[in-house]
PDB file of N, CA and C in Angstrom:
ATOM      1  N   MET A   1     -65.828 -59.830 -84.901  1.00  0.00           N
ATOM      2  CA  MET A   1     -66.635 -58.899 -83.158  1.00  0.00           C
ATOM      3  C   MET A   1     -68.260 -59.512 -83.881  1.00  0.00           C
ATOM      4  N   LEU A   2     -68.686 -59.950 -85.362  1.00  0.00           N
ATOM      5  CA  LEU A   2     -69.705 -59.563 -85.394  1.00  0.00           C
ATOM      6  C   LEU A   2     -70.266 -60.835 -84.568  1.00  0.00           C
ATOM      7  N   GLY A   3     -69.234 -62.007 -84.768  1.00  0.00           N
ATOM      8  CA  GLY A   3     -69.956 -63.473 -84.358  1.00  0.00           C
ATOM      9  C   GLY A   3     -69.723 -63.260 -82.512  1.00  0.00           C
ATOM     10  N   GLN A   4     -69.427 -62.120 -82.679  1.00  0.00           N
ATOM     11  CA  GLN A   4     -69.531 -62.176 -80.519  1.00  0.00           C
ATOM     12  C   GLN A   4     -70.102 -60.881 -79.678  1.00  0.00           C
ATOM     13  N   GLN A   5     -71.440 -61.881 -78.362  1.00  0.00           N
ATOM     14  CA  GLN A   5     -71.291 -61.364 -77.836  1.00  0.00           C
ATOM     15  C   GLN A   5     -71.364 -59.495 -77.846  1.00  0.00           C
ATOM     16  N   LEU A   6     -71.841 -58.250 -77.828  1.00  0.00           N
ATOM     17  CA  LEU A   6     -71.544 -56.872 -76.722  1.00  0.00           C
ATOM     18  C   LEU A   6     -72.339 -56.904 -75.892  1.00  0.00           C
ATOM     19  N   THR A   7     -71.903 -56.295 -75.195  1.00  0.00           N
ATOM     20  CA  THR A   7     -72.812 -56.208 -73.152  1.00  0.00           C
ATOM     21  C   THR A   7     -72.792 -54.508 -72.932  1.00  0.00           C
ATOM     22  N   TRP A   8     -73.663 -53.575 -72.448  1.00  0.00           N
ATOM     23  CA  TRP A   8     -73.413 -52.450 -72.046  1.00  0.00           C
ATOM     24  C   TRP A   8     -73.033 -52.896 -70.296  1.00  0.00           C
ATOM     25  N   THR A   9     -71.954 -52.439 -69.796  1.00  0.00           N
ATOM     26  CA  THR A   9     -72.014 -52.678 -67.669  1.00  0.00           C
ATOM     27  C   THR A   9     -72.216 -51.392 -67.815  1.00  0.00           C
ATOM     28  N   PHE A  10     -72.978 -50.501 -66.300  1.00  0.00           N
ATOM     29  CA  PHE A  10     -72.552 -49.660 -65.995  1.00  0.00           C
ATOM     30  C   PHE A  10     -72.122 -50.260 -64.747  1.00  0.00           C
ATOM     31  N   THR A  11     -70.960 -49.558 -64.194  1.00  0.00           N
ATOM     32  CA  THR A  11     -70.686 -49.326 -62.810  1.00  0.00           C
ATOM     33  C   THR A  11     -69.485 -48.358 -62.557  1.00  0.00           C
ATOM     34  N   ASN A  12     -70.116 -47.673 -61.285  1.00  0.00           N
ATOM     35  CA  ASN A  12     -69.501 -46.263 -60.600  1.00  0.00           C
ATOM     36  C   ASN A  12     -69.337 -45.379 -61.579  1.00  0.00           C
ATOM     37  N   GLY A  13     -70.637 -45.258 -62.423  1.00  0.00           N
ATOM     38  CA  GLY A  13     -70.512 -43.682 -63.309  1.00  0.00           C
ATOM     39  C   GLY A  13     -69.615 -43.813 -64.766  1.00  0.00           C
ATOM     40  N   LYS A  14     -69.400 -45.454 -64.575  1.00  0.00           N
ATOM     41  CA  LYS A  14     -68.808 -46.512 -66.328  1.00  0.00           C
ATOM     42  C   LYS A  14     -69.259 -46.822 -67.090  1.00  0.00           C
ATOM     43  N   ILE A  15     -69.581 -46.671 -68.364  1.00  0.00           N
ATOM     44  CA  ILE A  15     -70.424 -46.669 -69.245  1.00  0.00           C
ATOM     45  C   ILE A  15     -69.910 -47.121 -69.713  1.00  0.00           C
ATOM     46  N   LEU A  16     -69.671 -49.167 -70.137  1.00  0.00           N
ATOM     47  CA  LEU A  16     -68.454 -49.603 -70.690  1.00  0.00           C
ATOM     48  C   LEU A  16     -69.050 -50.356 -71.884  1.00  0.00           C
ATOM     49  N   LEU A  17     -69.231 -50.840 -73.221  1.00  0.00           N
ATOM     50  CA  LEU A  17     -69.001 -51.058 -74.125  1.00  0.00           C
ATOM     51  C   LEU A  17     -68.678 -52.941 -74.800  1.00  0.00           C
ATOM     52  N   LYS A  18     -68.372 -53.733 -73.911  1.00  0.00           N
ATOM     53  CA  LYS A  18     -67.950 -54.587 -74.614  1.00  0.00           C
ATOM     54  C   LYS A  18     -68.052 -55.893 -75.271  1.00  0.00           C
ATOM     55  N   SER A  19     -66.611 -56.220 -75.676  1.00  0.00           N
ATOM     56  CA  SER A  19     -67.108 -57.849 -76.200  1.00  0.00           C
ATOM     57  C   SER A  19     -66.257 -58.609 -75.187  1.00  0.00           C
ATOM     58  N   ASN A  20     -67.240 -59.608 -74.462  1.00  0.00           N
ATOM     59  CA  ASN A  20     -65.336 -60.578 -73.672  1.00  0.00           C
ATOM     60  C   ASN A  20     -65.811 -59.610 -73.290  1.00  0.00           C
ATOM     61  N   ASP A  21     -63.896 -59.960 -72.460  1.00  0.00           N
ATOM     62  CA  ASP A  21     -63.526 -59.045 -71.100  1.00  0.00           C
ATOM     63  C   ASP A  21     -63.106 -57.694 -72.285  1.00  0.00           C
ATOM     64  N   GLU A  22     -63.161 -57.143 -73.975  1.00  0.00           N
ATOM     65  CA  GLU A  22     -61.970 -56.881 -74.475  1.00  0.00           C
ATOM     66  C   GLU A  22     -63.323 -55.253 -74.093  1.00  0.00           C
ATOM     67  N   SER A  23     -62.565 -54.022 -73.552  1.00  0.00           N
ATOM     68  CA  SER A  23     -63.888 -52.558 -73.626  1.00  0.00           C
ATOM     69  C   SER A  23     -63.835 -52.205 -74.590  1.00  0.00           C
ATOM     70  N   LEU A  24     -64.840 -51.882 -76.146  1.00  0.00           N
ATOM     71  CA  LEU A  24     -64.623 -51.197 -77.046  1.00  0.00           C
ATOM     72  C   LEU A  24     -64.931 -49.978 -77.522  1.00  0.00           C
ATOM     73  N   LEU A  25     -66.041 -49.047 -76.525  1.00  0.00           N
ATOM     74  CA  LEU A  25     -66.472 -47.977 -76.058  1.00  0.00           C
ATOM     75  C   LEU A  25     -66.404 -47.621 -74.406  1.00  0.00           C
ATOM     76  N   LYS A  26     -66.376 -46.460 -74.312  1.00  0.00           N
ATOM     77  CA  LYS A  26     -66.511 -46.132 -72.709  1.00  0.00           C
ATOM     78  C   LYS A  26     -67.524 -44.212 -72.913  1.00  0.00           C
ATOM     79  N   LEU A  27     -67.719 -44.840 -72.855  1.00  0.00           N
ATOM     80  CA  LEU A  27     -69.220 -43.633 -72.650  1.00  0.00           C
ATOM     81  C   LEU A  27     -68.873 -42.731 -71.463  1.00  0.00           C
ATOM     82  N   LYS A  28     -68.471 -41.238 -71.118  1.00  0.00           N
ATOM     83  CA  LYS A  28     -68.024 -40.083 -70.646  1.00  0.00           C
ATOM     84  C   LYS A  28     -69.750 -39.284 -70.564  1.00  0.00           C
ATOM     85  N   GLU A  29     -70.207 -39.313 -69.310  1.00  0.00           N
ATOM     86  CA  GLU A  29     -71.342 -38.400 -68.981  1.00  0.00           C
ATOM     87  C   GLU A  29     -70.496 -37.101 -68.928  1.00  0.00           C
ATOM     88  N   GLU A  30     -71.662 -35.990 -70.020  1.00  0.00           N
ATOM     89  CA  GLU A  30     -70.844 -34.392 -69.502  1.00  0.00           C
ATOM     90  C   GLU A  30     -72.014 -33.899 -68.205  1.00  0.00           C
ATOM     91  N   LYS A  31     -73.480 -33.842 -69.260  1.00  0.00           N
ATOM     92  CA  LYS A  31     -74.085 -32.885 -68.570  1.00  0.00           C
ATOM     93  C   LYS A  31     -75.601 -34.193 -68.490  1.00  0.00           C
ATOM     94  N   ARG A  32     -76.419 -33.427 -68.125  1.00  0.00           N
ATOM     95  CA  ARG A  32     -77.765 -34.543 -68.133  1.00  0.00           C
ATOM     96  C   ARG A  32     -78.111 -34.073 -69.807  1.00  0.00           C
ATOM     97  N   ARG A  33     -78.187 -35.952 -70.380  1.00  0.00           N
ATOM     98  CA  ARG A  33     -78.904 -36.000 -71.769  1.00  0.00           C
ATOM     99  C   ARG A  33     -77.720 -35.654 -72.913  1.00  0.00           C
ATOM    100  N   LYS A  34     -76.459 -35.377 -71.650  1.00  0.00           N
ATOM    101  CA  LYS A  34     -75.147 -35.459 -72.912  1.00  0.00           C
ATOM    102  C   LYS A  34     -74.642 -36.754 -72.702  1.00  0.00           C
ATOM    103  N   ALA A  35     -73.191 -37.616 -73.259  1.00  0.00           N
ATOM    104  CA  ALA A  35     -72.268 -37.739 -73.380  1.00  0.00           C
ATOM    105  C   ALA A  35     -71.551 -37.633 -74.401  1.00  0.00           C
ATOM    106  N   SER A  36     -70.092 -38.237 -74.032  1.00  0.00           N
ATOM    107  CA  SER A  36     -68.825 -37.904 -75.233  1.00  0.00           C
ATOM    108  C   SER A  36     -68.225 -39.055 -75.629  1.00  0.00           C
ATOM    109  N   PHE A  37     -67.995 -40.079 -76.512  1.00  0.00           N
ATOM    110  CA  PHE A  37     -67.084 -41.468 -76.263  1.00  0.00           C
ATOM    111  C   PHE A  37     -65.972 -40.950 -77.186  1.00  0.00           C
ATOM    112  N   GLU A  38     -65.307 -42.267 -77.167  1.00  0.00           N
ATOM    113  CA  GLU A  38     -64.035 -41.698 -78.016  1.00  0.00           C
ATOM    114  C   GLU A  38     -63.461 -42.676 -79.393  1.00  0.00           C
ATOM    115  N   PHE A  39     -64.178 -43.149 -80.110  1.00  0.00           N
ATOM    116  CA  PHE A  39     -63.858 -44.427 -80.936  1.00  0.00           C
ATOM    117  C   PHE A  39     -62.878 -44.078 -82.785  1.00  0.00           C
ATOM    118  N   ASP A  40     -62.201 -45.160 -81.964  1.00  0.00           N
ATOM    119  CA  ASP A  40     -60.941 -44.807 -83.528  1.00  0.00           C
ATOM    120  C   ASP A  40     -60.563 -44.287 -83.293  1.00  0.00           C
ATOM    121  N   GLY A  41     -59.349 -43.289 -82.410  1.00  0.00           N
ATOM    122  CA  GLY A  41     -59.314 -41.931 -82.209  1.00  0.00           C
ATOM    123  C   GLY A  41     -59.787 -40.672 -82.463  1.00  0.00           C
ATOM    124  N   LYS A  42     -60.532 -40.567 -82.107  1.00  0.00           N
ATOM    125  CA  LYS A  42     -62.083 -39.232 -82.318  1.00  0.00           C
ATOM    126  C   LYS A  42     -62.477 -39.739 -81.412  1.00  0.00           C
ATOM    127  N   GLU A  43     -62.806 -38.099 -81.332  1.00  0.00           N
ATOM    128  CA  GLU A  43     -64.284 -37.772 -79.991  1.00  0.00           C
ATOM    129  C   GLU A  43     -64.988 -37.152 -80.785  1.00  0.00           C
ATOM    130  N   TYR A  44     -66.282 -37.703 -79.956  1.00  0.00           N
ATOM    131  CA  TYR A  44     -67.933 -37.835 -80.712  1.00  0.00           C
ATOM    132  C   TYR A  44     -68.730 -37.452 -79.347  1.00  0.00           C
ATOM    133  N   MET A  45     -69.755 -36.489 -79.570  1.00  0.00           N
ATOM    134  CA  MET A  45     -70.453 -36.104 -78.435  1.00  0.00           C
ATOM    135  C   MET A  45     -71.888 -37.141 -78.644  1.00  0.00           C
ATOM    136  N   ILE A  46     -72.318 -37.485 -78.138  1.00  0.00           N
ATOM    137  CA  ILE A  46     -73.791 -37.879 -78.226  1.00  0.00           C
ATOM    138  C   ILE A  46     -74.898 -37.584 -77.264  1.00  0.00           C
ATOM    139  N   ARG A  47     -75.658 -36.488 -77.932  1.00  0.00           N
ATOM    140  CA  ARG A  47     -77.091 -35.710 -77.279  1.00  0.00           C
ATOM    141  C   ARG A  47     -78.775 -36.061 -77.283  1.00  0.00           C
ATOM    142  N   ASN A  48     -79.431 -36.145 -77.139  1.00  0.00           N
ATOM    143  CA  ASN A  48     -80.681 -36.369 -76.596  1.00  0.00           C
ATOM    144  C   ASN A  48     -81.845 -34.783 -76.860  1.00  0.00           C
ATOM    145  N   GLU A  49     -82.356 -34.788 -77.764  1.00  0.00           N
ATOM    146  CA  GLU A  49     -83.578 -33.735 -77.716  1.00  0.00           C
ATOM    147  C   GLU A  49     -85.008 -34.279 -77.766  1.00  0.00           C
ATOM    148  N   GLY A  50     -85.591 -33.002 -77.041  1.00  0.00           N
ATOM    149  CA  GLY A  50     -86.986 -33.335 -77.673  1.00  0.00           C
ATOM    150  C   GLY A  50     -88.366 -34.242 -76.970  1.00  0.00           C
ATOM    151  N   PHE A  51     -89.121 -34.477 -76.870  1.00  0.00           N
ATOM    152  CA  PHE A  51     -89.932 -35.733 -75.856  1.00  0.00           C
ATOM    153  C   PHE A  51     -90.787 -36.628 -76.282  1.00  0.00           C
ATOM    154  N   TRP A  52     -91.547 -36.064 -77.112  1.00  0.00           N
ATOM    155  CA  TRP A  52     -92.826 -36.338 -78.122  1.00  0.00           C
ATOM    156  C   TRP A  52     -92.538 -36.455 -79.438  1.00  0.00           C
ATOM    157  N   ASN A  53     -91.457 -35.964 -80.384  1.00  0.00           N
ATOM    158  CA  ASN A  53     -90.215 -36.496 -81.255  1.00  0.00           C
ATOM    159  C   ASN A  53     -88.587 -36.529 -81.119  1.00  0.00           C
ATOM    160  N   PRO A  54     -88.914 -37.286 -80.060  1.00  0.00           N
ATOM    161  CA  PRO A  54     -86.853 -36.956 -79.321  1.00  0.00           C
ATOM    162  C   PRO A  54     -86.161 -37.461 -80.974  1.00  0.00           C
ATOM    163  N   ARG A  55     -85.404 -37.567 -80.814  1.00  0.00           N
ATOM    164  CA  ARG A  55     -83.713 -37.260 -81.717  1.00  0.00           C
ATOM    165  C   ARG A  55     -82.594 -37.512 -80.791  1.00  0.00           C
ATOM    166  N   THR A  56     -81.728 -38.340 -81.103  1.00  0.00           N
ATOM    167  CA  THR A  56     -80.166 -38.714 -80.666  1.00  0.00           C
ATOM    168  C   THR A  56     -79.453 -38.166 -81.517  1.00  0.00           C
ATOM    169  N   ILE A  57     -79.088 -37.178 -81.325  1.00  0.00           N
ATOM    170  CA  ILE A  57     -77.515 -36.687 -82.040  1.00  0.00           C
ATOM    171  C   ILE A  57     -76.205 -36.981 -82.193  1.00  0.00           C
ATOM    172  N   ILE A  58     -74.967 -37.284 -82.754  1.00  0.00           N
ATOM    173  CA  ILE A  58     -74.148 -37.817 -82.896  1.00  0.00           C
ATOM    174  C   ILE A  58     -73.368 -36.830 -83.198  1.00  0.00           C
ATOM    175  N   GLU A  59     -72.130 -36.018 -82.702  1.00  0.00           N
ATOM    176  CA  GLU A  59     -71.945 -34.998 -83.786  1.00  0.00           C
ATOM    177  C   GLU A  59     -70.185 -35.179 -83.499  1.00  0.00           C
ATOM    178  N   LYS A  60     -68.815 -35.191 -84.845  1.00  0.00           N
ATOM    179  CA  LYS A  60     -67.841 -35.017 -84.264  1.00  0.00           C
ATOM    180  C   LYS A  60     -67.256 -33.921 -84.903  1.00  0.00           C
ATOM    181  N   GLU A  61     -66.574 -32.790 -84.184  1.00  0.00           N
ATOM    182  CA  GLU A  61     -65.887 -32.110 -84.117  1.00  0.00           C
ATOM    183  C   GLU A  61     -66.995 -31.092 -84.212  1.00  0.00           C
ATOM    184  N   GLY A  62     -68.245 -30.661 -83.793  1.00  0.00           N
ATOM    185  CA  GLY A  62     -68.733 -29.652 -83.620  1.00  0.00           C
ATOM    186  C   GLY A  62     -69.601 -29.981 -85.398  1.00  0.00           C
ATOM    187  N   LYS A  63     -70.027 -30.780 -85.980  1.00  0.00           N
ATOM    188  CA  LYS A  63     -70.203 -31.358 -86.757  1.00  0.00           C
ATOM    189  C   LYS A  63     -72.012 -32.546 -87.451  1.00  0.00           C
ATOM    190  N   GLN A  64     -73.027 -32.521 -86.760  1.00  0.00           N
ATOM    191  CA  GLN A  64     -73.622 -33.759 -86.954  1.00  0.00           C
ATOM    192  C   GLN A  64     -73.472 -34.477 -88.167  1.00  0.00           C
ATOM    193  N   ILE A  65     -73.324 -36.012 -87.535  1.00  0.00           N
ATOM    194  CA  ILE A  65     -73.479 -36.862 -88.097  1.00  0.00           C
ATOM    195  C   ILE A  65     -74.378 -37.957 -88.223  1.00  0.00           C
ATOM    196  N   LEU A  66     -75.223 -37.519 -87.376  1.00  0.00           N
ATOM    197  CA  LEU A  66     -76.114 -38.770 -87.401  1.00  0.00           C
ATOM    198  C   LEU A  66     -77.069 -38.395 -86.239  1.00  0.00           C
ATOM    199  N   VAL A  67     -78.329 -38.595 -87.079  1.00  0.00           N
ATOM    200  CA  VAL A  67     -79.580 -38.634 -86.171  1.00  0.00           C
ATOM    201  C   VAL A  67     -80.695 -39.444 -86.567  1.00  0.00           C
ATOM    202  N   LEU A  68     -80.711 -39.785 -85.335  1.00  0.00           N
ATOM    203  CA  LEU A  68     -81.504 -40.451 -85.394  1.00  0.00           C
ATOM    204  C   LEU A  68     -83.135 -40.244 -84.122  1.00  0.00           C
ATOM    205  N   LYS A  69     -84.481 -40.261 -84.734  1.00  0.00           N
ATOM    206  CA  LYS A  69     -85.825 -40.089 -84.659  1.00  0.00           C
ATOM    207  C   LYS A  69     -86.700 -40.898 -84.735  1.00  0.00           C
ATOM    208  N   ARG A  70     -87.327 -40.704 -83.721  1.00  0.00           N
ATOM    209  CA  ARG A  70     -88.508 -41.564 -83.416  1.00  0.00           C
ATOM    210  C   ARG A  70     -89.728 -40.680 -83.161  1.00  0.00           C
ATOM    211  N   HIS A  71     -90.467 -41.310 -83.625  1.00  0.00           N
ATOM    212  CA  HIS A  71     -91.773 -40.507 -84.029  1.00  0.00           C
ATOM    213  C   HIS A  71     -92.813 -41.210 -83.884  1.00  0.00           C
ATOM    214  N   PHE A  72     -93.155 -40.168 -82.547  1.00  0.00           N
ATOM    215  CA  PHE A  72     -94.647 -40.835 -82.007  1.00  0.00           C
ATOM    216  C   PHE A  72     -95.902 -40.341 -81.864  1.00  0.00           C
ATOM    217  N   LEU A  73     -95.765 -39.278 -82.257  1.00  0.00           N
ATOM    218  CA  LEU A  73     -96.748 -38.380 -82.767  1.00  0.00           C
ATOM    219  C   LEU A  73     -97.193 -38.695 -84.023  1.00  0.00           C
TER     220      LEU A  73
END
């Protein structure tokens, strides 16, 4: 997969990450600023927080497993 181009497609409320014609990941919008996805048979939640110092948080089974921080100030 590393040598293949990955693309996001946005159609009819579906957000898909694709490699060629194969769907690798499907985001499901839960609420504003929240979405979920399934990967390797497990369910994950992704959400965004903050404005000046935003964070993107990924949780699995209610526990944070990844936090991406972007500092503007």
